[in-house]
Protein backbone atom coordinates (compact mmCIF):
# COMPACT_ATOMS: atom_id res chain seq x y z
CA MET A 1 -24.35 -18.43 13.66
CA SER A 2 -22.69 -18.73 16.20
CA GLY A 3 -19.26 -16.54 16.72
CA ASN A 4 -16.48 -19.08 17.08
CA LYS A 5 -17.94 -20.87 14.22
CA THR A 6 -18.29 -18.02 11.53
CA SER A 7 -15.71 -18.55 8.72
CA VAL A 8 -14.15 -15.62 6.58
CA ALA A 9 -12.14 -15.48 3.51
CA ILE A 10 -10.29 -12.33 3.10
CA ILE A 11 -8.56 -11.71 -0.50
CA GLY A 12 -5.71 -9.87 0.10
CA GLY A 13 -2.87 -9.70 2.66
CA GLY A 14 -2.23 -5.74 2.42
CA ILE A 15 -2.83 -4.16 6.04
CA SER A 16 -6.47 -3.55 5.48
CA GLY A 17 -7.10 -7.11 5.06
CA LEU A 18 -4.23 -8.59 7.92
CA VAL A 19 -5.90 -5.60 10.35
CA CYS A 20 -9.13 -7.18 9.45
CA ALA A 21 -8.75 -10.51 10.07
CA ALA A 22 -7.10 -9.98 13.89
CA ARG A 23 -9.87 -7.63 14.77
CA LEU A 24 -12.25 -10.35 14.02
CA SER A 25 -10.13 -12.35 15.98
CA GLN A 26 -9.95 -10.37 18.71
CA LEU A 27 -13.95 -9.88 18.30
CA GLY A 28 -14.22 -13.87 18.68
CA ILE A 29 -14.38 -14.75 14.79
CA THR A 30 -10.82 -16.90 14.67
CA ASN A 31 -11.82 -18.77 11.40
CA ALA A 32 -10.95 -16.20 9.01
CA THR A 33 -7.96 -17.14 6.32
CA VAL A 34 -6.58 -14.74 4.67
CA PHE A 35 -5.18 -15.38 1.11
CA ASP A 36 -2.42 -13.63 -0.71
CA THR A 37 -0.40 -13.70 -4.18
CA GLY A 38 2.33 -12.95 -2.07
CA LYS A 39 5.39 -15.29 -3.10
CA HIS A 40 7.29 -14.28 -0.15
CA ALA A 41 5.90 -12.55 2.27
CA PRO A 42 2.42 -10.46 3.35
CA GLY A 43 2.27 -6.64 2.54
CA GLY A 44 1.02 -5.57 -0.43
CA ARG A 45 2.57 -1.92 -0.79
CA CYS A 46 3.93 -2.28 2.64
CA SER A 47 6.80 -4.00 1.66
CA SER A 48 10.80 -4.17 1.65
CA ARG A 49 13.38 -6.30 -0.69
CA PHE A 50 16.17 -7.70 0.80
CA ILE A 51 19.34 -7.49 -1.73
CA ASN A 52 22.81 -9.53 -1.01
CA ILE A 53 24.71 -6.44 -3.03
CA GLU A 54 28.99 -7.94 -2.55
CA GLY A 55 28.07 -10.19 0.19
CA LYS A 56 26.20 -8.45 2.94
CA LEU A 57 22.19 -8.11 3.00
CA HIS A 58 20.51 -4.81 2.80
CA ILE A 59 17.63 -3.74 2.59
CA PHE A 60 14.83 -1.60 0.33
CA ASP A 61 11.65 -0.02 1.17
CA HIS A 62 10.36 0.03 -2.48
CA ALA A 63 6.70 1.49 -1.94
CA VAL A 64 5.57 2.55 1.61
CA GLN A 65 8.35 4.90 3.15
CA PHE A 66 7.31 6.03 6.24
CA PHE A 67 3.72 6.50 8.05
CA THR A 68 2.16 8.77 10.35
CA VAL A 69 -0.75 8.45 13.22
CA SER A 70 -3.59 10.70 13.16
CA ASP A 71 -6.59 8.58 14.12
CA PRO A 72 -6.59 7.06 17.85
CA ARG A 73 -7.74 3.77 16.71
CA PHE A 74 -4.61 3.24 14.36
CA ALA A 75 -2.71 4.69 17.31
CA LYS A 76 -3.69 1.55 19.37
CA ILE A 77 -2.30 -0.82 16.46
CA VAL A 78 0.94 1.42 16.36
CA SER A 79 1.52 0.96 20.20
CA PHE A 80 1.12 -2.58 20.14
CA LEU A 81 3.71 -2.85 16.66
CA HIS A 82 5.83 -0.87 19.14
CA ASN A 83 5.33 -3.21 21.65
CA LYS A 84 6.23 -5.79 19.22
CA GLY A 85 9.53 -4.74 17.97
CA ALA A 86 7.66 -4.23 14.60
CA VAL A 87 8.09 -0.48 14.43
CA LYS A 88 10.04 2.53 15.49
CA VAL A 89 10.27 6.26 15.53
CA TRP A 90 12.51 7.68 12.36
CA PRO A 91 14.48 10.48 13.69
CA GLY A 92 15.72 10.78 10.16
CA LYS A 93 15.33 14.31 8.42
CA ILE A 94 12.41 14.45 5.58
CA ALA A 95 12.69 17.76 3.46
CA HIS A 96 10.32 19.49 0.25
CA LEU A 97 13.12 19.33 -2.81
CA LYS A 98 12.74 21.72 -5.48
CA LEU A 99 14.60 21.46 -8.35
CA GLY A 100 17.46 23.64 -8.29
CA GLY A 101 16.61 24.97 -4.94
CA LYS A 102 17.80 23.82 -1.41
CA PRO A 103 16.20 21.28 1.05
CA THR A 104 13.04 22.39 3.27
CA GLU A 105 12.75 20.39 5.83
CA VAL A 106 8.80 19.56 7.01
CA LYS A 107 9.08 20.09 9.97
CA ASN A 108 6.40 19.03 13.29
CA VAL A 109 5.92 15.53 11.84
CA GLN A 110 6.65 11.83 13.69
CA ALA A 111 7.46 9.36 11.04
CA PHE A 112 7.65 5.73 11.99
CA ILE A 113 9.07 2.81 9.46
CA GLY A 114 9.60 -1.08 10.80
CA THR A 115 12.65 -2.24 12.52
CA ARG A 116 13.94 -3.90 9.61
CA GLY A 117 11.87 -2.66 6.87
CA MET A 118 8.99 -1.32 6.44
CA GLN A 119 8.09 -5.21 5.77
CA SER A 120 8.11 -5.51 9.60
CA VAL A 121 5.00 -3.91 10.01
CA PRO A 122 2.74 -7.28 7.74
CA GLU A 123 4.92 -9.44 9.44
CA CYS A 124 4.04 -8.84 12.75
CA LEU A 125 0.17 -8.19 12.09
CA SER A 126 0.27 -11.57 9.83
CA SER A 127 1.89 -13.45 13.67
CA LEU A 128 -2.19 -12.70 14.57
CA VAL A 129 -3.71 -14.43 11.68
CA HIS A 130 -4.37 -17.18 9.53
CA MET A 131 -2.35 -16.88 6.40
CA GLU A 132 -2.21 -18.87 3.29
CA GLY A 133 0.42 -17.28 1.06
CA ASN A 134 1.21 -17.73 -2.28
CA LYS A 135 -1.88 -18.25 -2.81
CA TRP A 136 -4.33 -17.29 -6.16
CA VAL A 137 -7.81 -16.83 -5.61
CA SER A 138 -9.07 -16.58 -8.91
CA ASN A 139 -13.12 -17.62 -8.75
CA VAL A 140 -15.92 -16.95 -5.63
CA TYR A 141 -19.10 -17.66 -6.45
CA TRP A 142 -22.21 -16.70 -3.91
CA ASP A 143 -25.11 -19.12 -3.18
CA PRO A 144 -28.07 -18.10 -2.07
CA LEU A 145 -29.44 -20.80 -1.25
CA ILE A 146 -26.75 -22.27 1.47
CA LYS A 147 -25.88 -18.23 1.71
CA LYS A 148 -22.40 -19.04 1.79
CA TRP A 149 -19.59 -18.32 -0.27
CA LYS A 150 -17.33 -20.88 -2.74
CA VAL A 151 -14.09 -19.37 -2.67
CA ASP A 152 -11.78 -21.35 -5.73
CA ASP A 153 -11.08 -25.59 -4.19
CA HIS A 154 -10.25 -23.83 -0.81
CA GLY A 155 -14.00 -24.18 0.28
CA TRP A 156 -17.59 -22.68 1.70
CA PHE A 157 -17.18 -19.46 3.48
CA ASP A 158 -20.04 -17.58 5.53
CA TYR A 159 -18.44 -14.21 4.60
CA LEU A 160 -16.29 -12.63 1.65
CA VAL A 161 -14.00 -9.76 2.10
CA VAL A 162 -12.06 -8.26 -0.37
CA ALA A 163 -8.92 -6.40 1.03
CA HIS A 164 -7.04 -5.40 -2.93
CA ASN A 165 -8.06 -3.30 -5.77
CA GLY A 166 -7.22 -2.86 -9.41
CA LYS A 167 -7.62 -5.30 -12.37
CA CYS A 168 -7.51 -8.66 -10.15
CA ALA A 169 -10.55 -7.55 -7.80
CA ALA A 170 -12.85 -6.26 -10.53
CA ARG A 171 -11.73 -9.30 -12.60
CA LEU A 172 -12.29 -11.57 -9.52
CA MET A 173 -15.65 -10.02 -8.70
CA ALA A 174 -17.06 -9.38 -12.24
CA ASP A 175 -19.17 -13.03 -12.16
CA ALA A 176 -19.97 -13.30 -8.39
CA GLY A 177 -23.17 -12.51 -8.37
CA VAL A 178 -22.68 -9.37 -6.05
CA PRO A 179 -22.74 -6.04 -9.32
CA GLN A 180 -23.10 -3.12 -6.75
CA ILE A 181 -19.70 -4.56 -5.26
CA HIS A 182 -18.48 -5.02 -9.01
CA ASN A 183 -19.05 -1.60 -9.87
CA LEU A 184 -17.39 0.29 -6.84
CA LEU A 185 -14.12 -2.12 -8.06
CA LYS A 186 -14.30 -1.58 -11.63
CA VAL A 187 -10.86 1.09 -12.17
CA LYS A 188 -9.49 3.29 -14.74
CA PHE A 189 -5.68 4.29 -14.55
CA GLY A 190 -3.77 7.57 -15.37
CA PRO A 191 -2.22 10.20 -14.22
CA VAL A 192 -5.09 12.80 -14.00
CA LEU A 193 -8.34 12.16 -12.64
CA SER A 194 -11.04 12.02 -15.08
CA PRO A 195 -14.60 14.01 -14.55
CA GLN A 196 -16.51 10.20 -13.85
CA THR A 197 -15.28 10.47 -10.16
CA ASN A 198 -17.88 7.37 -9.26
CA VAL A 199 -15.43 4.92 -10.49
CA MET A 200 -11.68 3.91 -8.75
CA GLN A 201 -9.08 5.29 -10.55
CA LEU A 202 -5.50 4.20 -9.85
CA CYS A 203 -2.26 5.89 -11.33
CA SER A 204 1.39 3.75 -11.27
CA LEU A 205 4.48 4.75 -10.20
CA TRP A 206 7.69 3.30 -11.24
CA VAL A 207 10.28 2.55 -8.79
CA LEU A 208 14.20 2.69 -9.14
CA LEU A 209 16.31 1.04 -6.45
CA PHE A 210 20.21 1.80 -6.43
CA ALA A 211 23.23 1.63 -4.56
CA LEU A 212 26.49 3.56 -4.60
CA LEU A 213 29.46 2.47 -3.35
CA ARG A 214 30.04 5.37 -0.97
CA LYS A 215 28.00 7.74 0.83
CA ILE A 216 26.95 10.61 -0.63
CA GLU A 217 26.74 13.87 1.11
CA ILE A 218 23.39 14.89 1.20
CA ASP A 219 21.25 17.24 3.87
CA PHE A 220 18.25 14.90 4.19
CA ASP A 221 17.40 11.29 4.49
CA GLY A 222 14.49 11.35 2.83
CA ALA A 223 12.55 14.14 0.50
CA PHE A 224 9.47 14.85 -1.74
CA VAL A 225 10.12 16.43 -4.99
CA ASP A 226 9.08 19.23 -7.23
CA HIS A 227 10.07 17.51 -10.52
CA SER A 228 9.13 16.11 -13.67
CA ASP A 229 10.35 12.65 -13.35
CA ILE A 230 10.51 12.25 -9.36
CA SER A 231 7.69 12.29 -6.81
CA TRP A 232 10.68 10.70 -4.01
CA ILE A 233 14.09 10.00 -2.99
CA GLY A 234 14.74 8.47 0.38
CA ASN A 235 17.96 7.15 1.48
CA ASN A 236 17.11 3.43 2.97
CA THR A 237 20.93 3.17 4.53
CA SER A 238 20.41 6.38 7.13
CA LYS A 239 17.16 4.81 8.01
CA TYR A 240 18.41 0.66 8.82
CA SER A 241 22.16 0.43 8.47
CA ALA A 242 23.67 3.92 9.07
CA GLU A 243 27.16 2.42 9.43
CA ASN A 244 27.23 0.89 6.15
CA GLN A 245 29.71 2.50 3.89
CA MET A 246 27.30 1.44 0.81
CA ASP A 247 24.03 4.22 0.38
CA CYS A 248 20.91 2.70 -1.15
CA TRP A 249 18.60 4.70 -1.99
CA THR A 250 14.86 4.24 -3.39
CA ILE A 251 13.40 6.57 -5.53
CA ILE A 252 9.31 7.05 -7.06
CA SER A 253 8.77 8.27 -10.04
CA THR A 254 5.18 11.06 -10.16
CA LYS A 255 2.09 9.56 -11.85
CA THR A 256 2.98 11.60 -15.24
CA PHE A 257 6.03 9.26 -15.40
CA GLY A 258 4.32 6.24 -14.63
CA ALA A 259 1.51 6.84 -17.51
CA ASN A 260 4.26 8.18 -20.22
CA HIS A 261 6.23 4.57 -19.25
CA LYS A 262 3.37 2.08 -18.50
CA VAL A 263 3.96 -1.32 -19.70
CA PRO A 264 2.48 -4.51 -18.54
CA GLN A 265 4.31 -4.67 -14.82
CA GLU A 266 4.35 -8.41 -14.87
CA PHE A 267 7.30 -8.05 -17.89
CA ILE A 268 9.11 -5.34 -17.94
CA PRO A 269 11.29 -4.81 -21.74
CA PRO A 270 14.99 -4.78 -20.71
CA SER A 271 14.54 -1.33 -23.31
CA THR A 272 11.69 0.20 -20.85
CA GLU A 273 13.86 -1.06 -17.35
CA LYS A 274 17.57 0.67 -19.31
CA GLU A 275 15.02 4.19 -20.03
CA VAL A 276 13.73 4.08 -16.61
CA THR A 277 16.61 3.80 -14.89
CA HIS A 278 18.68 6.24 -17.01
CA LEU A 279 15.96 8.86 -16.47
CA LEU A 280 15.51 8.54 -12.97
CA LEU A 281 19.08 8.75 -12.13
CA ASN A 282 19.92 11.80 -14.34
CA GLY A 283 16.90 13.10 -12.09
CA PHE A 284 18.61 12.37 -9.53
CA ALA A 285 21.49 14.23 -9.94
CA GLU A 286 19.60 17.16 -10.94
CA LEU A 287 17.57 17.53 -7.99
CA THR A 288 20.74 16.70 -5.64
CA GLY A 289 23.59 18.71 -7.55
CA ILE A 290 25.38 15.97 -7.85
CA ASN A 291 27.74 15.29 -10.84
CA ARG A 292 25.91 12.29 -12.63
CA GLN A 293 29.71 10.74 -12.92
CA LEU A 294 29.48 10.16 -9.31
CA VAL A 295 26.18 7.97 -9.13
CA ALA A 296 27.22 4.77 -11.07
CA PRO A 297 25.62 2.29 -9.17
CA CYS A 298 26.78 -0.99 -8.55
CA PHE A 299 23.62 -1.77 -7.96
CA THR A 300 20.13 -0.76 -9.94
CA LYS A 301 16.40 -2.38 -10.03
CA VAL A 302 12.98 -1.05 -11.40
CA GLN A 303 9.88 -1.85 -10.35
CA LEU A 304 6.46 -0.73 -11.88
CA TRP A 305 3.50 -0.79 -9.47
CA GLY A 306 0.79 -0.79 -11.16
CA ALA A 307 -2.18 -0.02 -9.14
CA ALA A 308 -0.24 2.50 -6.86
CA ASN A 309 -2.47 5.19 -5.58
CA PRO A 310 -5.68 5.58 -5.56
CA LEU A 311 -6.68 9.56 -6.83
CA ASN A 312 -9.68 8.86 -5.48
CA VAL A 313 -11.62 7.37 -2.60
CA LEU A 314 -14.62 6.73 -1.24
CA GLN A 315 -17.16 9.60 0.71
CA GLY A 316 -18.36 9.21 3.95
CA GLU A 317 -17.31 5.60 4.92
CA GLU A 318 -14.33 3.91 5.87
CA CYS A 319 -15.53 0.47 4.13
CA VAL A 320 -18.19 -1.43 1.92
CA PHE A 321 -20.61 -4.07 3.09
CA GLN A 322 -23.56 -5.37 1.51
CA SER A 323 -25.38 -7.22 4.18
CA SER A 324 -27.75 -9.20 1.78
CA HIS A 325 -24.88 -10.97 0.59
CA ASN A 326 -21.73 -11.13 3.32
CA VAL A 327 -19.60 -9.98 1.00
CA GLY A 328 -17.27 -6.47 2.12
CA ILE A 329 -14.34 -4.52 0.76
CA CYS A 330 -11.79 -2.74 2.85
CA GLY A 331 -9.03 -1.00 1.54
CA ASP A 332 -6.64 2.36 1.86
CA TRP A 333 -8.55 4.04 -1.35
CA LEU A 334 -11.65 3.53 0.71
CA VAL A 335 -10.38 6.09 3.23
CA SER A 336 -7.44 7.94 2.70
CA PRO A 337 -3.77 6.15 0.41
CA SER A 338 -2.02 5.44 3.89
CA VAL A 339 -0.87 2.83 5.92
CA GLU A 340 -3.44 4.52 8.27
CA GLY A 341 -6.49 4.68 6.25
CA ALA A 342 -6.04 0.78 5.35
CA ALA A 343 -5.64 0.18 8.53
CA VAL A 344 -8.98 1.99 9.89
CA SER A 345 -10.85 0.51 6.69
CA GLY A 346 -10.09 -3.02 7.98
CA LEU A 347 -10.95 -2.56 11.54
CA ALA A 348 -14.30 -0.80 10.19
CA LEU A 349 -15.14 -3.08 8.52
CA ALA A 350 -14.59 -6.62 11.30
CA GLU A 351 -16.84 -4.36 13.31
CA VAL A 352 -19.51 -4.35 10.56
CA LEU A 353 -19.49 -7.83 10.00
CA ILE A 354 -19.53 -9.16 14.32
CA ARG A 355 -22.86 -6.58 13.59
CA HIS A 356 -24.11 -8.73 11.18
CA VAL A 357 -23.17 -11.82 12.58
CA ASN A 358 -24.95 -10.74 15.62
CA GLY A 359 -28.17 -9.91 13.48
CA GLU A 360 -27.79 -6.57 12.28
CA ARG A 361 -29.12 -5.96 8.68
CA LYS A 362 -27.53 -2.55 7.40
CA ASP A 363 -25.38 -2.14 4.06
CA VAL A 364 -22.20 -0.08 4.58
CA GLY A 365 -21.06 2.18 1.31
CA LEU A 366 -22.62 1.02 -1.45
CA LYS A 367 -24.59 4.27 -2.28
CA LYS A 368 -21.57 6.48 -1.46
CA ARG A 369 -20.01 8.00 -4.20
CA LEU A 370 -15.79 8.63 -5.07
CA GLU A 371 -14.56 11.69 -4.92
CA PRO A 372 -10.87 13.22 -5.67
CA VAL A 373 -7.85 12.94 -3.44
CA GLU A 374 -4.22 13.37 -3.94
CA SER A 375 -1.63 11.92 -2.45
CA GLU A 376 2.66 11.77 -1.73
CA ALA A 377 4.90 9.13 -3.32
CA ILE A 378 3.04 5.25 -2.11
CA GLY A 379 1.84 5.71 0.92
CA SER A 380 2.83 8.21 3.81
CA PHE A 381 0.22 10.49 4.78
CA PRO A 382 -3.82 10.55 5.82
CA THR A 383 -5.62 12.98 3.75
CA ASN A 384 -7.40 14.60 5.93
CA LYS A 385 -4.06 15.49 7.47
CA SER A 386 -3.11 17.53 4.69
CA LEU A 387 -0.30 18.62 6.74
CA PHE A 388 2.57 19.98 4.27
CA PHE A 389 2.75 21.45 0.49
CA LYS A 390 0.99 21.05 -2.84
CA PRO A 391 1.05 16.95 -3.97
CA ALA A 392 3.96 16.17 -6.88
CA LYS A 393 2.70 16.02 -10.28
């Protein structure tokens, strides 16, 4: 099988899928297609919203708030992104905040952000690959006779990569003829890890975006929070447009709050939207010590990330591959719930796949177990570099 003719379907246009496709291209497999459901742009949780408020466009990071680098492989990717003008160092003050206490600065961390929102990262990576955006893949089928994958009506592919997780990924692979892959993609939801750790478990998180007409005096730009309802608060204005008089903030809830107010993320009832907004704004005022009357937003928007953070990760492997069926999995939940974890997993699977193309017949990760892990906010620090403090509730 010639590398230049090998075709790969990658389901999911988050960081892991994009990095996997880009690395495959470097290795000689240029016929890889990334299918992503994003209507506006790829990126998954590494994304931003651009919202017009009073005639001016404002950037809100509504999932990943920043990322760090510890793995040399990821450092090369970040160096490339930096040279392309897609990322920059965030010099903002990052703190740890407890209710009733003063913010304590987090030291010795180099935080990276996109140059125009976190969306700049996947936008740059997607320019290197063949993307099929706003495409929902609902059915895949492995034909053992021709040893190829049928992907909806998009055609036949030599390899299939599943680069996302949650209910959609589990449903997609339920009848695909690869039960071992499907078993790894089965998922449970909740704020607390259950004793059955060999099933992927995810938590849900609420995000509130809000804007104030005038800046408020707070001695940090972003903070990990010890609070019953909130795990992170961050100032988007200080990250991207400090000269603006309007203050644009992101609040990310705790896992417990996410579970207690869970609704179908496709349709958030207006009453739930109102309640979540009220509670998170109250929590913001409590934490910052600002009079609640001064926290009177001119704009609010809530979002529920139904599959926000993994509660367990694969033990001892960075990706999964079933040699007999030419199918693999990559994602941050296989390494660590972070941008780096996603990128490293995508790189690892690309390397495994090219070795298979070149004749190696070896499974990866199919018999590994999942182990508990904690993470702060939505994707920031690799789990093997626990630099700071106890995770939020």
